[in-house]
Amino acid sequence: MATHFKGTLEQTLALDTWLKLSRAKESVGRKLKPCLGQHGVTSAQFGVLEMLYHLGTLNQTVIARKMLVSGGNVTMLVDNLEKHSWVERRRSQKDRRVIKVHLTTAGKAVIEQVLPIHVGALTEALAVLTSSERETLGMLCKKLGRGQQTDPTRTG
């Protein structure tokens, strides 16, 4: 459904595009949620576990920046992940002000179990697009996201 907003052509197109992008994200997210929920993992928790699994130990500031959420949000996520014994916080020996988040053996087991199921559901959800369309969508999303960065030296 197109927007009923009556603005300039550019404004109407921007709003219509945003609505479609938001609805697509929500629709795909709804398809992915059950596979995570079956394992007691929220999508945000999955994001942290997957990040630590692929990137290794990180501090909470880096996690917040990469997830595009607040530091407070990451603190809550890490608190909840710690309750499950999936991650642990450790102070840096070099700089005691720095606290690193580590994936535990239990956390690694969870992400290794859930990741293939999640990727399968994601592959199925995106199957309505051709390979070429998925590639184009990926490039466009990346361009859109990077275009919003206020600090050109930041990479994401």
N, C-alpha and C. Protein backbone atom coordinates (compact mmCIF):
# COMPACT_ATOMS: atom_id res chain seq x y z
N MET A 1 0.85 -1.18 0.00
CA MET A 1 0.00 0.00 0.00
C MET A 1 0.89 1.24 0.00
N ALA A 2 0.65 2.10 -0.91
CA ALA A 2 1.41 3.35 -0.99
C ALA A 2 0.93 4.30 0.09
N THR A 3 1.76 5.26 0.41
CA THR A 3 1.40 6.24 1.42
C THR A 3 0.32 7.19 0.88
N HIS A 4 -0.47 7.72 1.79
CA HIS A 4 -1.48 8.72 1.42
C HIS A 4 -0.99 10.12 1.74
N PHE A 5 0.26 10.22 2.18
CA PHE A 5 0.86 11.50 2.51
C PHE A 5 0.89 12.38 1.26
N LYS A 6 0.53 13.63 1.41
CA LYS A 6 0.51 14.57 0.28
C LYS A 6 1.64 15.57 0.47
N GLY A 7 2.78 15.22 -0.04
CA GLY A 7 3.93 16.12 -0.01
C GLY A 7 4.51 16.20 -1.40
N THR A 8 5.75 16.61 -1.46
CA THR A 8 6.40 16.64 -2.76
C THR A 8 6.59 15.21 -3.26
N LEU A 9 6.88 15.07 -4.52
CA LEU A 9 7.13 13.75 -5.08
C LEU A 9 8.28 13.07 -4.34
N GLU A 10 9.33 13.81 -4.05
CA GLU A 10 10.50 13.26 -3.33
C GLU A 10 10.12 12.81 -1.92
N GLN A 11 9.31 13.60 -1.22
CA GLN A 11 8.87 13.24 0.13
C GLN A 11 7.98 11.99 0.11
N THR A 12 7.05 11.95 -0.82
CA THR A 12 6.14 10.82 -0.93
C THR A 12 6.91 9.54 -1.27
N LEU A 13 7.87 9.64 -2.18
CA LEU A 13 8.68 8.49 -2.55
C LEU A 13 9.53 8.02 -1.36
N ALA A 14 10.09 8.97 -0.61
CA ALA A 14 10.91 8.62 0.56
C ALA A 14 10.05 7.89 1.61
N LEU A 15 8.88 8.41 1.89
CA LEU A 15 8.01 7.78 2.88
C LEU A 15 7.53 6.41 2.40
N ASP A 16 7.14 6.32 1.15
CA ASP A 16 6.68 5.05 0.60
C ASP A 16 7.80 3.99 0.64
N THR A 17 9.00 4.40 0.30
CA THR A 17 10.15 3.48 0.33
C THR A 17 10.42 3.02 1.76
N TRP A 18 10.37 3.96 2.70
CA TRP A 18 10.60 3.62 4.10
C TRP A 18 9.56 2.63 4.60
N LEU A 19 8.30 2.86 4.27
CA LEU A 19 7.23 1.95 4.71
C LEU A 19 7.46 0.54 4.16
N LYS A 20 7.82 0.45 2.89
CA LYS A 20 8.08 -0.87 2.28
C LYS A 20 9.27 -1.56 2.92
N LEU A 21 10.34 -0.80 3.17
CA LEU A 21 11.53 -1.36 3.80
C LEU A 21 11.20 -1.85 5.22
N SER A 22 10.48 -1.05 5.98
CA SER A 22 10.11 -1.41 7.35
C SER A 22 9.21 -2.64 7.38
N ARG A 23 8.23 -2.68 6.49
CA ARG A 23 7.31 -3.81 6.46
C ARG A 23 8.03 -5.09 6.02
N ALA A 24 8.95 -4.97 5.09
CA ALA A 24 9.71 -6.15 4.65
C ALA A 24 10.55 -6.68 5.81
N LYS A 25 11.21 -5.79 6.55
CA LYS A 25 12.03 -6.21 7.69
C LYS A 25 11.17 -6.90 8.74
N GLU A 26 10.02 -6.33 9.03
CA GLU A 26 9.12 -6.94 10.02
C GLU A 26 8.61 -8.29 9.56
N SER A 27 8.27 -8.39 8.29
CA SER A 27 7.75 -9.63 7.74
C SER A 27 8.79 -10.75 7.80
N VAL A 28 10.01 -10.46 7.40
CA VAL A 28 11.09 -11.45 7.46
C VAL A 28 11.40 -11.78 8.92
N GLY A 29 11.42 -10.75 9.77
CA GLY A 29 11.68 -10.96 11.19
C GLY A 29 10.68 -11.90 11.84
N ARG A 30 9.40 -11.77 11.47
CA ARG A 30 8.37 -12.66 11.98
C ARG A 30 8.62 -14.11 11.57
N LYS A 31 9.16 -14.29 10.39
CA LYS A 31 9.47 -15.64 9.90
C LYS A 31 10.65 -16.26 10.66
N LEU A 32 11.59 -15.43 11.09
CA LEU A 32 12.79 -15.90 11.77
C LEU A 32 12.60 -16.10 13.27
N LYS A 33 11.68 -15.35 13.86
CA LYS A 33 11.50 -15.35 15.31
C LYS A 33 11.23 -16.73 15.90
N PRO A 34 10.37 -17.56 15.30
CA PRO A 34 10.10 -18.87 15.91
C PRO A 34 11.33 -19.78 16.02
N CYS A 35 12.21 -19.74 15.03
CA CYS A 35 13.38 -20.63 15.09
C CYS A 35 14.31 -20.21 16.22
N LEU A 36 14.37 -18.92 16.52
CA LEU A 36 15.18 -18.46 17.65
C LEU A 36 14.47 -18.75 18.96
N GLY A 37 13.16 -18.48 18.98
CA GLY A 37 12.38 -18.68 20.19
C GLY A 37 12.38 -20.12 20.68
N GLN A 38 12.44 -21.07 19.76
CA GLN A 38 12.48 -22.48 20.13
C GLN A 38 13.71 -22.80 20.97
N HIS A 39 14.74 -21.98 20.83
CA HIS A 39 15.99 -22.21 21.56
C HIS A 39 16.18 -21.21 22.69
N GLY A 40 15.13 -20.43 22.98
CA GLY A 40 15.19 -19.49 24.08
C GLY A 40 16.09 -18.30 23.84
N VAL A 41 16.25 -17.93 22.57
CA VAL A 41 17.13 -16.83 22.20
C VAL A 41 16.31 -15.75 21.50
N THR A 42 16.47 -14.50 21.93
CA THR A 42 15.84 -13.39 21.22
C THR A 42 16.71 -13.01 20.02
N SER A 43 16.16 -12.24 19.10
CA SER A 43 16.95 -11.84 17.94
C SER A 43 18.13 -10.96 18.35
N ALA A 44 17.95 -10.11 19.36
CA ALA A 44 19.05 -9.26 19.83
C ALA A 44 20.14 -10.11 20.49
N GLN A 45 19.73 -11.08 21.30
CA GLN A 45 20.70 -11.97 21.92
C GLN A 45 21.45 -12.78 20.87
N PHE A 46 20.72 -13.25 19.87
CA PHE A 46 21.33 -13.97 18.77
C PHE A 46 22.38 -13.10 18.09
N GLY A 47 22.05 -11.83 17.89
CA GLY A 47 22.99 -10.90 17.26
C GLY A 47 24.30 -10.79 18.02
N VAL A 48 24.21 -10.72 19.35
CA VAL A 48 25.43 -10.64 20.17
C VAL A 48 26.20 -11.95 20.11
N LEU A 49 25.50 -13.07 20.26
CA LEU A 49 26.18 -14.38 20.21
C LEU A 49 26.86 -14.59 18.87
N GLU A 50 26.16 -14.26 17.80
CA GLU A 50 26.72 -14.45 16.45
C GLU A 50 27.94 -13.55 16.25
N MET A 51 27.87 -12.33 16.75
CA MET A 51 28.98 -11.39 16.63
C MET A 51 30.21 -11.90 17.37
N LEU A 52 30.01 -12.36 18.60
CA LEU A 52 31.13 -12.89 19.38
C LEU A 52 31.68 -14.17 18.77
N TYR A 53 30.81 -14.98 18.20
CA TYR A 53 31.22 -16.23 17.57
C TYR A 53 32.12 -15.97 16.36
N HIS A 54 31.74 -14.98 15.55
CA HIS A 54 32.49 -14.71 14.33
C HIS A 54 33.64 -13.70 14.51
N LEU A 55 33.49 -12.77 15.42
CA LEU A 55 34.51 -11.72 15.58
C LEU A 55 35.39 -11.93 16.80
N GLY A 56 34.97 -12.79 17.72
CA GLY A 56 35.75 -13.00 18.93
C GLY A 56 35.37 -12.02 20.02
N THR A 57 36.14 -12.02 21.07
CA THR A 57 35.89 -11.18 22.24
C THR A 57 35.84 -9.71 21.86
N LEU A 58 34.83 -9.00 22.39
CA LEU A 58 34.65 -7.58 22.10
C LEU A 58 34.25 -6.85 23.37
N ASN A 59 34.50 -5.54 23.40
CA ASN A 59 33.97 -4.78 24.53
C ASN A 59 32.55 -4.31 24.18
N GLN A 60 31.81 -3.91 25.19
CA GLN A 60 30.41 -3.57 25.00
C GLN A 60 30.21 -2.36 24.09
N THR A 61 31.15 -1.44 24.08
CA THR A 61 31.05 -0.27 23.21
C THR A 61 31.07 -0.68 21.74
N VAL A 62 31.94 -1.61 21.41
CA VAL A 62 32.03 -2.10 20.03
C VAL A 62 30.75 -2.85 19.66
N ILE A 63 30.25 -3.66 20.57
CA ILE A 63 29.01 -4.40 20.32
C ILE A 63 27.87 -3.42 20.06
N ALA A 64 27.77 -2.39 20.89
CA ALA A 64 26.70 -1.38 20.73
C ALA A 64 26.81 -0.68 19.37
N ARG A 65 28.03 -0.30 19.00
CA ARG A 65 28.22 0.40 17.73
C ARG A 65 27.85 -0.50 16.56
N LYS A 66 28.27 -1.75 16.58
CA LYS A 66 27.99 -2.66 15.47
C LYS A 66 26.51 -3.02 15.38
N MET A 67 25.83 -3.08 16.53
CA MET A 67 24.41 -3.41 16.53
C MET A 67 23.51 -2.18 16.37
N LEU A 68 24.13 -1.00 16.40
CA LEU A 68 23.40 0.27 16.29
C LEU A 68 22.38 0.44 17.41
N VAL A 69 22.82 0.09 18.64
CA VAL A 69 21.97 0.25 19.82
C VAL A 69 22.75 1.00 20.89
N SER A 70 22.05 1.39 21.95
CA SER A 70 22.70 2.14 23.02
C SER A 70 23.54 1.22 23.90
N GLY A 71 24.46 1.84 24.63
CA GLY A 71 25.27 1.09 25.58
C GLY A 71 24.41 0.44 26.65
N GLY A 72 23.36 1.13 27.07
CA GLY A 72 22.44 0.57 28.07
C GLY A 72 21.74 -0.67 27.56
N ASN A 73 21.39 -0.65 26.30
CA ASN A 73 20.74 -1.81 25.69
C ASN A 73 21.69 -3.00 25.69
N VAL A 74 22.95 -2.76 25.35
CA VAL A 74 23.93 -3.84 25.33
C VAL A 74 24.18 -4.36 26.74
N THR A 75 24.21 -3.48 27.72
CA THR A 75 24.39 -3.91 29.11
C THR A 75 23.29 -4.89 29.50
N MET A 76 22.05 -4.56 29.16
CA MET A 76 20.92 -5.43 29.47
C MET A 76 21.04 -6.76 28.72
N LEU A 77 21.42 -6.70 27.44
CA LEU A 77 21.58 -7.92 26.66
C LEU A 77 22.66 -8.82 27.26
N VAL A 78 23.80 -8.23 27.59
CA VAL A 78 24.90 -9.01 28.15
C VAL A 78 24.51 -9.56 29.53
N ASP A 79 23.79 -8.77 30.33
CA ASP A 79 23.30 -9.27 31.62
C ASP A 79 22.46 -10.53 31.42
N ASN A 80 21.53 -10.47 30.47
CA ASN A 80 20.66 -11.63 30.21
C ASN A 80 21.43 -12.81 29.64
N LEU A 81 22.39 -12.55 28.78
CA LEU A 81 23.22 -13.64 28.25
C LEU A 81 24.07 -14.27 29.35
N GLU A 82 24.52 -13.46 30.29
CA GLU A 82 25.29 -13.99 31.43
C GLU A 82 24.41 -14.88 32.31
N LYS A 83 23.15 -14.52 32.48
CA LYS A 83 22.23 -15.34 33.28
C LYS A 83 22.09 -16.74 32.70
N HIS A 84 22.20 -16.85 31.38
CA HIS A 84 22.14 -18.16 30.71
C HIS A 84 23.52 -18.84 30.67
N SER A 85 24.54 -18.14 31.15
CA SER A 85 25.94 -18.61 31.10
C SER A 85 26.44 -18.75 29.67
N TRP A 86 25.93 -17.92 28.77
CA TRP A 86 26.35 -17.95 27.37
C TRP A 86 27.51 -17.01 27.10
N VAL A 87 27.66 -15.99 27.94
CA VAL A 87 28.80 -15.07 27.84
C VAL A 87 29.29 -14.77 29.24
N GLU A 88 30.50 -14.22 29.31
CA GLU A 88 31.00 -13.71 30.58
C GLU A 88 31.79 -12.44 30.32
N ARG A 89 31.77 -11.58 31.32
CA ARG A 89 32.55 -10.34 31.25
C ARG A 89 33.88 -10.57 31.97
N ARG A 90 34.93 -10.03 31.37
CA ARG A 90 36.25 -10.09 32.00
C ARG A 90 36.93 -8.73 31.86
N ARG A 91 37.53 -8.27 32.94
CA ARG A 91 38.29 -7.02 32.89
C ARG A 91 39.59 -7.24 32.15
N SER A 92 39.97 -6.26 31.37
CA SER A 92 41.24 -6.31 30.66
C SER A 92 42.38 -6.21 31.67
N GLN A 93 43.39 -7.03 31.47
CA GLN A 93 44.56 -6.97 32.34
C GLN A 93 45.40 -5.72 32.06
N LYS A 94 45.34 -5.25 30.81
CA LYS A 94 46.13 -4.08 30.42
C LYS A 94 45.49 -2.77 30.88
N ASP A 95 44.16 -2.72 30.83
CA ASP A 95 43.43 -1.51 31.21
C ASP A 95 42.19 -1.95 31.97
N ARG A 96 42.23 -1.84 33.28
CA ARG A 96 41.15 -2.35 34.13
C ARG A 96 39.81 -1.66 33.88
N ARG A 97 39.82 -0.53 33.17
CA ARG A 97 38.56 0.15 32.84
C ARG A 97 37.80 -0.57 31.75
N VAL A 98 38.52 -1.36 30.97
CA VAL A 98 37.94 -2.05 29.82
C VAL A 98 37.41 -3.42 30.25
N ILE A 99 36.15 -3.68 29.91
CA ILE A 99 35.54 -4.97 30.19
C ILE A 99 35.21 -5.63 28.86
N LYS A 100 35.74 -6.81 28.68
CA LYS A 100 35.53 -7.56 27.44
C LYS A 100 34.43 -8.60 27.65
N VAL A 101 33.66 -8.85 26.60
CA VAL A 101 32.61 -9.86 26.63
C VAL A 101 33.12 -11.08 25.87
N HIS A 102 33.11 -12.22 26.54
CA HIS A 102 33.62 -13.48 25.99
C HIS A 102 32.47 -14.45 25.79
N LEU A 103 32.50 -15.19 24.72
CA LEU A 103 31.56 -16.27 24.46
C LEU A 103 32.01 -17.48 25.27
N THR A 104 31.11 -18.05 26.06
CA THR A 104 31.46 -19.24 26.85
C THR A 104 31.29 -20.50 26.00
N THR A 105 31.71 -21.61 26.54
CA THR A 105 31.52 -22.89 25.85
C THR A 105 30.03 -23.15 25.63
N ALA A 106 29.21 -22.83 26.64
CA ALA A 106 27.76 -23.02 26.51
C ALA A 106 27.20 -22.09 25.43
N GLY A 107 27.69 -20.85 25.38
CA GLY A 107 27.24 -19.90 24.36
C GLY A 107 27.64 -20.35 22.96
N LYS A 108 28.84 -20.88 22.86
CA LYS A 108 29.30 -21.40 21.56
C LYS A 108 28.42 -22.56 21.11
N ALA A 109 28.06 -23.42 22.03
CA ALA A 109 27.19 -24.56 21.69
C ALA A 109 25.82 -24.07 21.20
N VAL A 110 25.29 -23.04 21.86
CA VAL A 110 23.98 -22.50 21.46
C VAL A 110 24.06 -21.90 20.06
N ILE A 111 25.05 -21.06 19.81
CA ILE A 111 25.13 -20.41 18.50
C ILE A 111 25.41 -21.44 17.40
N GLU A 112 26.19 -22.45 17.69
CA GLU A 112 26.46 -23.48 16.69
C GLU A 112 25.22 -24.33 16.39
N GLN A 113 24.33 -24.42 17.35
CA GLN A 113 23.08 -25.16 17.14
C GLN A 113 22.06 -24.29 16.40
N VAL A 114 21.95 -23.03 16.80
CA VAL A 114 20.90 -22.15 16.27
C VAL A 114 21.26 -21.54 14.92
N LEU A 115 22.52 -21.23 14.69
CA LEU A 115 22.93 -20.54 13.47
C LEU A 115 22.49 -21.26 12.19
N PRO A 116 22.72 -22.56 12.04
CA PRO A 116 22.28 -23.22 10.80
C PRO A 116 20.76 -23.19 10.61
N ILE A 117 20.02 -23.30 11.70
CA ILE A 117 18.56 -23.24 11.63
C ILE A 117 18.12 -21.85 11.21
N HIS A 118 18.74 -20.85 11.80
CA HIS A 118 18.43 -19.45 11.48
C HIS A 118 18.75 -19.14 10.01
N VAL A 119 19.91 -19.58 9.57
CA VAL A 119 20.31 -19.34 8.17
C VAL A 119 19.35 -20.05 7.21
N GLY A 120 18.91 -21.24 7.58
CA GLY A 120 17.95 -21.96 6.76
C GLY A 120 16.64 -21.20 6.63
N ALA A 121 16.14 -20.69 7.77
CA ALA A 121 14.90 -19.91 7.74
C ALA A 121 15.07 -18.62 6.96
N LEU A 122 16.22 -17.99 7.10
CA LEU A 122 16.51 -16.76 6.37
C LEU A 122 16.59 -17.03 4.87
N THR A 123 17.24 -18.10 4.50
CA THR A 123 17.35 -18.48 3.09
C THR A 123 15.97 -18.72 2.50
N GLU A 124 15.13 -19.39 3.26
CA GLU A 124 13.75 -19.65 2.82
C GLU A 124 12.96 -18.34 2.68
N ALA A 125 13.12 -17.44 3.65
CA ALA A 125 12.40 -16.17 3.62
C ALA A 125 12.82 -15.31 2.43
N LEU A 126 14.09 -15.35 2.09
CA LEU A 126 14.60 -14.52 0.99
C LEU A 126 14.50 -15.20 -0.37
N ALA A 127 13.99 -16.42 -0.39
CA ALA A 127 13.88 -17.18 -1.65
C ALA A 127 12.91 -16.55 -2.64
N VAL A 128 12.08 -15.61 -2.18
CA VAL A 128 11.17 -14.93 -3.11
C VAL A 128 11.94 -14.01 -4.05
N LEU A 129 13.20 -13.72 -3.71
CA LEU A 129 14.06 -12.90 -4.55
C LEU A 129 15.04 -13.79 -5.30
N THR A 130 15.39 -13.38 -6.49
CA THR A 130 16.43 -14.10 -7.22
C THR A 130 17.79 -13.79 -6.57
N SER A 131 18.79 -14.56 -6.92
CA SER A 131 20.14 -14.30 -6.40
C SER A 131 20.58 -12.88 -6.74
N SER A 132 20.31 -12.48 -7.96
CA SER A 132 20.67 -11.14 -8.40
C SER A 132 19.93 -10.06 -7.60
N GLU A 133 18.65 -10.30 -7.32
CA GLU A 133 17.87 -9.34 -6.53
C GLU A 133 18.39 -9.27 -5.10
N ARG A 134 18.76 -10.41 -4.52
CA ARG A 134 19.32 -10.41 -3.16
C ARG A 134 20.63 -9.64 -3.12
N GLU A 135 21.45 -9.83 -4.14
CA GLU A 135 22.72 -9.11 -4.21
C GLU A 135 22.49 -7.60 -4.34
N THR A 136 21.57 -7.22 -5.19
CA THR A 136 21.24 -5.80 -5.37
C THR A 136 20.67 -5.21 -4.08
N LEU A 137 19.76 -5.94 -3.45
CA LEU A 137 19.18 -5.47 -2.19
C LEU A 137 20.27 -5.28 -1.14
N GLY A 138 21.18 -6.23 -1.05
CA GLY A 138 22.28 -6.12 -0.10
C GLY A 138 23.13 -4.88 -0.35
N MET A 139 23.45 -4.62 -1.61
CA MET A 139 24.26 -3.44 -1.95
C MET A 139 23.50 -2.15 -1.63
N LEU A 140 22.21 -2.12 -1.94
CA LEU A 140 21.41 -0.93 -1.66
C LEU A 140 21.28 -0.67 -0.16
N CYS A 141 21.05 -1.73 0.61
CA CYS A 141 20.94 -1.58 2.06
C CYS A 141 22.26 -1.09 2.65
N LYS A 142 23.35 -1.62 2.17
CA LYS A 142 24.67 -1.20 2.64
C LYS A 142 24.90 0.28 2.31
N LYS A 143 24.56 0.68 1.10
CA LYS A 143 24.72 2.07 0.69
C LYS A 143 23.85 2.99 1.55
N LEU A 144 22.62 2.57 1.79
CA LEU A 144 21.71 3.37 2.61
C LEU A 144 22.23 3.49 4.03
N GLY A 145 22.67 2.38 4.61
CA GLY A 145 23.18 2.41 5.98
C GLY A 145 24.43 3.25 6.12
N ARG A 146 25.35 3.07 5.20
CA ARG A 146 26.61 3.85 5.27
C ARG A 146 26.36 5.32 5.02
N GLY A 147 25.35 5.63 4.25
CA GLY A 147 25.03 7.03 3.98
C GLY A 147 24.52 7.77 5.20
N GLN A 148 24.16 7.05 6.25
CA GLN A 148 23.63 7.68 7.46
C GLN A 148 24.71 7.93 8.50
N GLN A 149 25.90 7.39 8.28
CA GLN A 149 26.97 7.58 9.25
C GLN A 149 27.39 9.04 9.28
N THR A 150 27.51 9.56 10.49
CA THR A 150 27.93 10.96 10.64
C THR A 150 29.44 11.08 10.70
N ASP A 151 30.11 10.00 11.07
CA ASP A 151 31.57 10.01 11.15
C ASP A 151 32.12 9.18 9.99
N PRO A 152 32.66 9.83 8.95
CA PRO A 152 33.12 9.09 7.77
C PRO A 152 34.29 8.15 8.05
N THR A 153 34.93 8.28 9.22
CA THR A 153 36.04 7.39 9.53
C THR A 153 35.57 6.08 10.16
N ARG A 154 34.31 6.05 10.59
CA ARG A 154 33.76 4.83 11.21
C ARG A 154 33.42 3.82 10.15
N THR A 155 33.79 2.58 10.44
CA THR A 155 33.40 1.49 9.54
C THR A 155 32.50 0.55 10.33
N GLY A 156 31.64 -0.15 9.61
CA GLY A 156 30.71 -0.92 10.37
C GLY A 156 30.61 -2.30 10.08
